[in-house]
């Protein structure tokens, strides 16, 4: 039998600050879903830094505390958990998601991805309406328009029609649900589409490149180096999410719309890593593996992993496509509709990531002794 969530309500707060202008609003009591994750944690920290009272909601225990932070453990795929988490909140920043990039998925994998990335969005929308929340900012992905190569794209592009992986398929459906709910029972919604999210504290991309270099496995790049893609530094994404929420008010152009939020500096995947690799004292690879060959290997390997349970592929076909197929978009719409531009330059972001990578390398080498 499921245990009902015990959700703390905020104490009586001082009168909210007056909006800075007629097209922005105070966010009030904020809910962050997926708060134990990379993006969720940073959103919680920044909202608290800006003086907001925050409820952090995640399946995993949340290991940080603050006088203006309430932590709730639960699952967005369970409506009752979502309903309790939304009690008393005005602003919802929905980041909870399953990142499963596989094309050949087991029944369990499919059920979990759809439960969180689709039904979880439905639950949060329903719970938000029931609670009388004013706004919900949904975290989507730039994958949702990645079909053919995307060169200097924008938000007018259609959704990808030939989805090959669970993540893209479910993120498209989740975004559609979030945008379609705009205006329902007074709830305003919008969606944010980041590129590859990176920054200090990342547990996926940066630790992976450090491990590849330290183990001597980073010996070749993939493709001819011409493919460009978007990345989004974590501080830029957090700022974009919060600014979108502040501007999501009645009559706002954001209502029911999607926005690409990136560093605005498309780059080849391996060139993005070059200053980190060399900054750690390793040589950047000179060998190149043809994109078509790598995609074929990844596709066969993924199929065999699904069919006869060999170890999973080093890279999924989706990851190979994102490395070797250009997909980058303009951020003009965010600048036009809510004045957002990335505050942290690529150069500063790289320096901060290099410092983090050095700490990861030192930790790895210390463990190896």
Protein backbone atom coordinates (compact mmCIF):
# COMPACT_ATOMS: atom_id res chain seq x y z
CA UNK A 1 0.00 0.00 0.00
CA UNK A 2 1.40 3.38 -1.00
CA UNK A 3 2.17 5.91 1.70
CA UNK A 4 0.65 9.33 1.11
CA UNK A 5 3.21 12.06 0.81
CA UNK A 6 3.58 14.40 3.73
CA UNK A 7 4.07 17.75 2.06
CA UNK A 8 5.11 20.79 4.10
CA UNK A 9 3.34 23.99 3.20
CA UNK A 10 5.35 27.21 3.27
CA UNK A 11 5.15 29.40 6.34
CA UNK A 12 3.36 32.70 6.04
CA UNK A 13 5.53 34.75 3.74
CA UNK A 14 6.03 38.47 3.53
CA UNK A 15 4.14 40.31 0.85
CA UNK A 16 5.72 39.47 -2.53
CA UNK A 17 7.81 42.09 -4.19
CA UNK A 18 6.02 44.09 -6.83
CA UNK A 19 6.78 42.96 -10.38
CA UNK A 20 9.54 44.91 -12.06
CA UNK A 21 7.26 45.73 -14.96
CA UNK A 22 3.82 44.91 -16.27
CA UNK A 23 5.07 41.89 -18.21
CA UNK A 24 6.80 40.03 -15.36
CA UNK A 25 5.56 38.51 -12.12
CA UNK A 26 6.91 37.32 -8.80
CA UNK A 27 7.16 33.53 -8.93
CA UNK A 28 5.78 32.97 -5.45
CA UNK A 29 6.22 29.50 -3.94
CA UNK A 30 8.11 27.39 -6.52
CA UNK A 31 8.11 23.65 -7.18
CA UNK A 32 11.05 21.99 -8.94
CA UNK A 33 10.55 18.42 -10.14
CA UNK A 34 13.59 16.22 -10.72
CA UNK A 35 15.25 18.29 -8.00
CA UNK A 36 17.92 15.68 -7.24
CA UNK A 37 19.17 15.83 -10.84
CA UNK A 38 21.79 18.06 -12.41
CA UNK A 39 19.41 20.71 -13.76
CA UNK A 40 16.96 20.42 -10.88
CA UNK A 41 19.61 21.00 -8.22
CA UNK A 42 20.90 24.10 -9.96
CA UNK A 43 17.39 25.48 -10.34
CA UNK A 44 16.71 24.95 -6.64
CA UNK A 45 19.96 26.67 -5.64
CA UNK A 46 19.38 29.65 -7.93
CA UNK A 47 15.75 30.13 -6.90
CA UNK A 48 16.81 30.13 -3.25
CA UNK A 49 19.64 32.54 -4.04
CA UNK A 50 17.06 34.88 -5.59
CA UNK A 51 15.02 34.77 -2.39
CA UNK A 52 12.27 32.30 -3.32
CA UNK A 53 10.74 29.59 -1.15
CA UNK A 54 11.14 26.26 -2.98
CA UNK A 55 9.70 22.77 -2.79
CA UNK A 56 12.08 20.15 -4.22
CA UNK A 57 10.38 17.00 -5.57
CA UNK A 58 12.16 13.83 -6.72
CA UNK A 59 12.10 10.02 -6.41
CA UNK A 60 15.63 10.18 -5.00
CA UNK A 61 16.47 11.58 -1.57
CA UNK A 62 17.54 15.24 -1.71
CA UNK A 63 20.74 15.73 0.25
CA UNK A 64 20.74 19.50 0.75
CA UNK A 65 18.80 21.81 3.01
CA UNK A 66 17.93 25.48 3.50
CA UNK A 67 15.44 27.38 5.60
CA UNK A 68 13.47 28.23 2.44
CA UNK A 69 13.62 24.70 1.05
CA UNK A 70 11.06 21.92 1.56
CA UNK A 71 12.02 18.48 0.26
CA UNK A 72 9.44 15.92 -0.86
CA UNK A 73 10.21 12.41 -2.09
CA UNK A 74 7.75 11.00 -4.65
CA UNK A 75 7.19 9.98 -8.26
CA UNK A 76 5.74 12.19 -11.00
CA UNK A 77 4.26 9.07 -12.62
CA UNK A 78 1.92 8.73 -9.61
CA UNK A 79 -0.86 11.33 -9.75
CA UNK A 80 -1.35 11.42 -5.98
CA UNK A 81 2.33 12.23 -5.49
CA UNK A 82 2.11 14.96 -8.12
CA UNK A 83 -1.08 16.35 -6.56
CA UNK A 84 0.46 16.58 -3.10
CA UNK A 85 3.66 18.11 -4.46
CA UNK A 86 1.68 20.89 -6.19
CA UNK A 87 -0.29 21.94 -3.12
CA UNK A 88 0.14 25.65 -2.47
CA UNK A 89 2.62 26.37 -5.29
CA UNK A 90 2.37 29.13 -7.87
CA UNK A 91 5.24 28.27 -10.22
CA UNK A 92 6.32 24.81 -11.42
CA UNK A 93 9.64 24.12 -13.13
CA UNK A 94 9.29 20.60 -14.48
CA UNK A 95 12.64 18.91 -15.18
CA UNK A 96 11.97 15.27 -14.16
CA UNK A 97 12.74 12.89 -17.04
CA UNK A 98 14.15 9.50 -17.92
CA UNK A 99 17.16 9.77 -20.24
CA UNK A 100 17.01 6.49 -22.15
CA UNK A 101 18.48 6.90 -25.63
CA UNK A 102 18.04 3.31 -26.77
CA UNK A 103 16.24 2.38 -29.96
CA UNK A 104 15.64 -1.27 -29.05
CA UNK A 105 13.95 -1.11 -25.68
CA UNK A 106 12.63 -3.73 -23.32
CA UNK A 107 9.06 -3.55 -22.09
CA UNK A 108 10.32 -2.27 -18.73
CA UNK A 109 12.34 0.48 -20.39
CA UNK A 110 9.40 1.57 -22.55
CA UNK A 111 7.01 1.60 -19.62
CA UNK A 112 9.34 3.65 -17.44
CA UNK A 113 10.13 6.24 -20.12
CA UNK A 114 6.47 6.73 -21.00
CA UNK A 115 5.48 6.74 -17.32
CA UNK A 116 7.81 9.63 -16.51
CA UNK A 117 8.24 11.55 -19.77
CA UNK A 118 4.61 11.39 -20.87
CA UNK A 119 2.30 10.37 -18.04
CA UNK A 120 4.45 12.35 -15.61
CA UNK A 121 3.81 15.49 -17.66
CA UNK A 122 0.07 14.74 -17.73
CA UNK A 123 0.09 14.25 -13.98
CA UNK A 124 1.94 17.47 -13.28
CA UNK A 125 -0.40 19.44 -15.55
CA UNK A 126 -3.49 17.96 -13.92
CA UNK A 127 -2.12 18.47 -10.43
CA UNK A 128 -1.07 22.04 -11.26
CA UNK A 129 -4.58 22.90 -12.45
CA UNK A 130 -6.14 21.29 -9.39
CA UNK A 131 -3.82 23.25 -7.09
CA UNK A 132 -4.47 26.54 -8.87
CA UNK A 133 -0.84 27.01 -9.92
CA UNK A 134 -0.28 29.96 -12.25
CA UNK A 135 2.51 28.75 -14.51
CA UNK A 136 4.48 25.66 -15.55
CA UNK A 137 7.76 25.71 -17.46
CA UNK A 138 8.39 22.33 -19.06
CA UNK A 139 11.93 21.15 -19.84
CA UNK A 140 11.99 19.64 -23.32
CA UNK A 141 14.98 18.99 -25.63
CA UNK A 142 16.39 20.14 -28.96
CA UNK A 143 16.01 16.48 -30.00
CA UNK A 144 12.33 17.07 -30.70
CA UNK A 145 13.09 18.56 -34.14
CA UNK A 146 16.11 16.39 -35.00
CA UNK A 147 15.02 14.47 -38.07
CA UNK A 148 17.12 15.55 -41.03
CA UNK A 149 20.10 17.84 -40.33
CA UNK A 150 19.04 21.13 -38.71
CA UNK A 151 21.05 24.11 -39.94
CA UNK A 152 20.32 27.43 -38.19
CA UNK A 153 16.83 26.22 -37.31
CA UNK A 154 14.13 27.83 -35.22
CA UNK A 155 10.95 26.95 -33.36
CA UNK A 156 8.85 26.84 -36.54
CA UNK A 157 10.40 23.46 -37.46
CA UNK A 158 8.00 20.49 -37.23
CA UNK A 159 8.48 17.71 -34.72
CA UNK A 160 10.74 14.87 -35.85
CA UNK A 161 8.70 12.27 -37.75
CA UNK A 162 11.24 9.43 -37.77
CA UNK A 163 12.08 9.05 -34.12
CA UNK A 164 14.44 6.14 -33.47
CA UNK A 165 14.79 6.25 -29.70
CA UNK A 166 12.69 6.29 -26.55
CA UNK A 167 13.94 9.64 -25.32
CA UNK A 168 13.05 11.66 -28.43
CA UNK A 169 9.71 9.91 -28.89
CA UNK A 170 8.61 10.55 -25.29
CA UNK A 171 10.00 14.09 -25.11
CA UNK A 172 8.02 15.07 -28.20
CA UNK A 173 4.81 13.77 -26.68
CA UNK A 174 5.54 15.39 -23.32
CA UNK A 175 6.17 18.78 -24.92
CA UNK A 176 2.99 18.52 -26.97
CA UNK A 177 0.98 17.83 -23.83
CA UNK A 178 2.57 20.72 -21.94
CA UNK A 179 1.94 23.27 -24.69
CA UNK A 180 -1.60 22.05 -25.40
CA UNK A 181 -2.48 22.59 -21.72
CA UNK A 182 -1.75 26.31 -21.88
CA UNK A 183 -4.72 28.37 -20.72
CA UNK A 184 -6.55 25.39 -19.22
CA UNK A 185 -8.15 26.44 -15.92
CA UNK A 186 -5.88 29.48 -15.73
CA UNK A 187 -2.60 27.56 -16.01
CA UNK A 188 0.00 29.10 -18.35
CA UNK A 189 2.65 26.86 -19.89
CA UNK A 190 5.73 27.06 -22.08
CA UNK A 191 8.56 24.69 -23.01
CA UNK A 192 12.34 25.14 -22.96
CA UNK A 193 14.48 23.22 -25.44
CA UNK A 194 18.14 23.09 -24.36
CA UNK A 195 21.02 21.64 -26.34
CA UNK A 196 23.53 19.34 -24.65
CA UNK A 197 23.52 20.46 -21.01
CA UNK A 198 26.97 20.71 -19.42
CA UNK A 199 28.78 22.32 -16.52
CA UNK A 200 30.45 21.66 -13.17
CA UNK A 201 28.59 18.95 -11.30
CA UNK A 202 27.52 17.13 -14.48
CA UNK A 203 27.52 13.37 -13.91
CA UNK A 204 27.29 12.26 -17.55
CA UNK A 205 29.20 14.13 -20.24
CA UNK A 206 32.24 15.57 -18.46
CA UNK A 207 33.04 12.53 -16.27
CA UNK A 208 32.79 10.41 -19.41
CA UNK A 209 35.41 12.39 -21.33
CA UNK A 210 37.73 12.46 -18.29
CA UNK A 211 37.42 8.70 -17.93
CA UNK A 212 38.02 8.14 -21.66
CA UNK A 213 41.18 10.25 -21.57
CA UNK A 214 42.55 8.80 -18.34
CA UNK A 215 41.98 5.23 -19.48
CA UNK A 216 43.64 5.80 -22.85
CA UNK A 217 40.43 5.03 -24.78
CA UNK A 218 40.03 8.49 -26.31
CA UNK A 219 41.99 7.69 -29.45
CA UNK A 220 39.75 8.77 -32.35
CA UNK A 221 37.02 11.20 -33.29
CA UNK A 222 33.92 10.30 -35.29
CA UNK A 223 32.92 11.89 -38.59
CA UNK A 224 34.70 14.49 -40.69
CA UNK A 225 34.38 17.27 -38.10
CA UNK A 226 31.88 19.37 -40.07
CA UNK A 227 28.79 18.62 -37.98
CA UNK A 228 27.82 21.41 -35.58
CA UNK A 229 25.51 21.17 -32.59
CA UNK A 230 24.19 23.30 -29.75
CA UNK A 231 25.29 23.11 -26.13
CA UNK A 232 23.80 24.83 -23.11
CA UNK A 233 25.89 25.75 -20.09
CA UNK A 234 23.98 24.96 -16.91
CA UNK A 235 23.93 28.56 -15.61
CA UNK A 236 22.57 29.81 -18.92
CA UNK A 237 19.84 27.17 -18.89
CA UNK A 238 18.83 27.91 -15.31
CA UNK A 239 18.66 31.63 -16.05
CA UNK A 240 16.60 30.96 -19.19
CA UNK A 241 14.15 28.77 -17.29
CA UNK A 242 13.64 31.28 -14.49
CA UNK A 243 13.32 34.24 -16.85
CA UNK A 244 10.77 32.34 -18.92
CA UNK A 245 8.78 31.67 -15.75
CA UNK A 246 8.94 35.33 -14.70
CA UNK A 247 7.57 36.42 -18.07
CA UNK A 248 4.88 33.74 -18.24
CA UNK A 249 1.95 35.99 -17.32
CA UNK A 250 -1.51 36.57 -18.87
CA UNK A 251 -1.14 38.05 -22.33
CA UNK A 252 2.52 37.02 -22.60
CA UNK A 253 3.82 35.80 -25.96
CA UNK A 254 5.44 32.88 -24.11
CA UNK A 255 2.11 31.24 -23.32
CA UNK A 256 1.85 27.93 -25.18
CA UNK A 257 5.21 28.38 -26.93
CA UNK A 258 8.52 26.50 -27.10
CA UNK A 259 11.97 28.13 -26.94
CA UNK A 260 15.48 27.00 -27.79
CA UNK A 261 17.82 27.98 -24.95
CA UNK A 262 21.49 27.43 -25.82
CA UNK A 263 24.88 29.12 -25.60
CA UNK A 264 24.25 30.48 -29.10
CA UNK A 265 27.57 29.09 -30.29
CA UNK A 266 27.20 25.84 -32.30
CA UNK A 267 30.36 23.76 -32.40
CA UNK A 268 31.56 20.32 -33.44
CA UNK A 269 31.27 17.80 -30.62
CA UNK A 270 34.98 16.98 -30.57
CA UNK A 271 36.09 20.60 -30.92
CA UNK A 272 33.94 21.33 -27.89
CA UNK A 273 36.02 18.82 -25.94
CA UNK A 274 39.41 19.83 -27.37
CA UNK A 275 40.29 22.56 -24.79
CA UNK A 276 39.25 20.26 -21.96
CA UNK A 277 41.30 17.34 -23.27
CA UNK A 278 44.43 19.42 -23.88
CA UNK A 279 43.88 21.36 -20.65
CA UNK A 280 44.07 18.07 -18.77
CA UNK A 281 47.39 17.32 -20.44
CA UNK A 282 46.18 14.76 -22.98
CA UNK A 283 46.63 14.78 -26.74
CA UNK A 284 43.55 15.38 -28.85
CA UNK A 285 43.00 12.40 -31.21
CA UNK A 286 44.13 12.63 -34.84
CA UNK A 287 42.43 9.49 -36.13
CA UNK A 288 38.92 9.75 -37.53
CA UNK A 289 36.28 7.00 -37.72
CA UNK A 290 33.82 7.46 -40.63
CA UNK A 291 30.36 8.43 -39.40
CA UNK A 292 28.58 5.78 -41.49
CA UNK A 293 30.80 3.00 -40.16
CA UNK A 294 30.29 4.08 -36.55
CA UNK A 295 26.52 4.35 -37.00
CA UNK A 296 26.39 0.84 -38.49
CA UNK A 297 28.46 -0.60 -35.65
CA UNK A 298 26.35 1.15 -33.02
CA UNK A 299 23.10 -0.02 -34.62
CA UNK A 300 24.17 -3.67 -34.82
CA UNK A 301 25.65 -3.57 -31.33
CA UNK A 302 22.47 -2.05 -29.88
CA UNK A 303 20.35 -4.72 -31.57
CA UNK A 304 22.52 -7.53 -30.23
CA UNK A 305 22.38 -6.02 -26.75
CA UNK A 306 18.59 -6.12 -26.96
CA UNK A 307 18.38 -9.55 -28.64
CA UNK A 308 20.99 -11.62 -26.81
CA UNK A 309 21.96 -9.31 -23.92
CA UNK A 310 25.59 -8.63 -24.79
CA UNK A 311 26.99 -5.56 -22.98
CA UNK A 312 25.43 -2.25 -24.11
CA UNK A 313 27.12 -0.25 -26.89
CA UNK A 314 29.63 2.44 -26.00
CA UNK A 315 27.52 4.88 -28.04
CA UNK A 316 23.88 4.45 -29.04
CA UNK A 317 22.85 5.23 -32.64
CA UNK A 318 21.17 8.42 -31.36
CA UNK A 319 24.42 9.55 -29.76
CA UNK A 320 26.32 8.86 -32.99
CA UNK A 321 23.75 10.90 -34.95
CA UNK A 322 24.01 13.80 -32.51
CA UNK A 323 27.81 13.74 -32.92
CA UNK A 324 27.86 13.47 -36.72
CA UNK A 325 24.69 15.27 -37.93
CA UNK A 326 24.43 19.05 -37.66
CA UNK A 327 21.58 20.23 -35.45
CA UNK A 328 21.72 23.80 -34.23
CA UNK A 329 19.09 26.48 -33.78
CA UNK A 330 18.80 30.23 -33.35
CA UNK A 331 17.84 31.72 -29.98
CA UNK A 332 16.26 34.85 -31.48
CA UNK A 333 12.76 33.96 -30.29
CA UNK A 334 13.79 33.92 -26.61
CA UNK A 335 15.56 37.25 -27.05
CA UNK A 336 12.48 38.74 -28.72
CA UNK A 337 9.80 37.39 -26.39
CA UNK A 338 11.45 37.70 -22.98
CA UNK A 339 14.76 39.42 -23.53
CA UNK A 340 16.88 36.39 -22.74
CA UNK A 341 20.50 36.08 -23.86
CA UNK A 342 23.16 33.73 -22.43
CA UNK A 343 24.97 35.45 -19.57
CA UNK A 344 27.96 33.11 -19.38
CA UNK A 345 30.28 33.11 -22.39
CA UNK A 346 31.58 29.90 -23.90
CA UNK A 347 35.11 30.89 -22.83
CA UNK A 348 34.09 31.33 -19.18
CA UNK A 349 32.03 28.14 -19.24
CA UNK A 350 35.00 26.21 -20.63
CA UNK A 351 37.31 27.50 -17.90
CA UNK A 352 34.85 26.49 -15.19
CA UNK A 353 34.40 23.06 -16.77
CA UNK A 354 38.15 22.55 -17.04
CA UNK A 355 38.52 23.21 -13.32
CA UNK A 356 35.80 20.63 -12.64
CA UNK A 357 37.43 18.11 -15.01
CA UNK A 358 40.75 18.56 -13.23
CA UNK A 359 39.07 17.73 -9.94
CA UNK A 360 37.50 14.63 -11.50
CA UNK A 361 40.86 13.52 -12.87
CA UNK A 362 42.59 14.05 -9.54
CA UNK A 363 39.89 12.07 -7.79
CA UNK A 364 40.17 9.27 -10.35
CA UNK A 365 43.94 9.11 -10.07
CA UNK A 366 43.70 9.14 -6.29
CA UNK A 367 41.32 6.19 -6.37
CA UNK A 368 43.67 4.35 -8.72
CA UNK A 369 46.62 4.52 -6.34
